[in-house]
């Protein structure tokens, strides 16, 4: 990928992003280090963070707004895996279902 920015500018942006990311993580450690107890509202909200992060990491790989790059095999496998996750709440069964369906679809097509 070509860019008009020089190596110093790119290195500077990477350094700034790294410092900001470290400061964000450090702020949570410092904040929770000062609290004796985490408020119940915060605990309730934090329960949804892993699911939100996982969804943010997984969903873009099989759902897209661009119709030309839509992969129906990934969408079907992901939908079935989501159904298994919802019904069983078993991570291993979800992964086996998703990967198994994806491999079967790709083998048949």
Foldseek 3Di string as FASTA:
>chain_A
DDDPDDPVVVVVVVVVVVVVVVVVVVVVVVVVVPDPDDDPVVVVVVVCVVVVVVCVVPVVVADDPDPVPHDVLQVVLQVVLVVCCVVPVDPVVSVCSSVVSSVVVVVVD
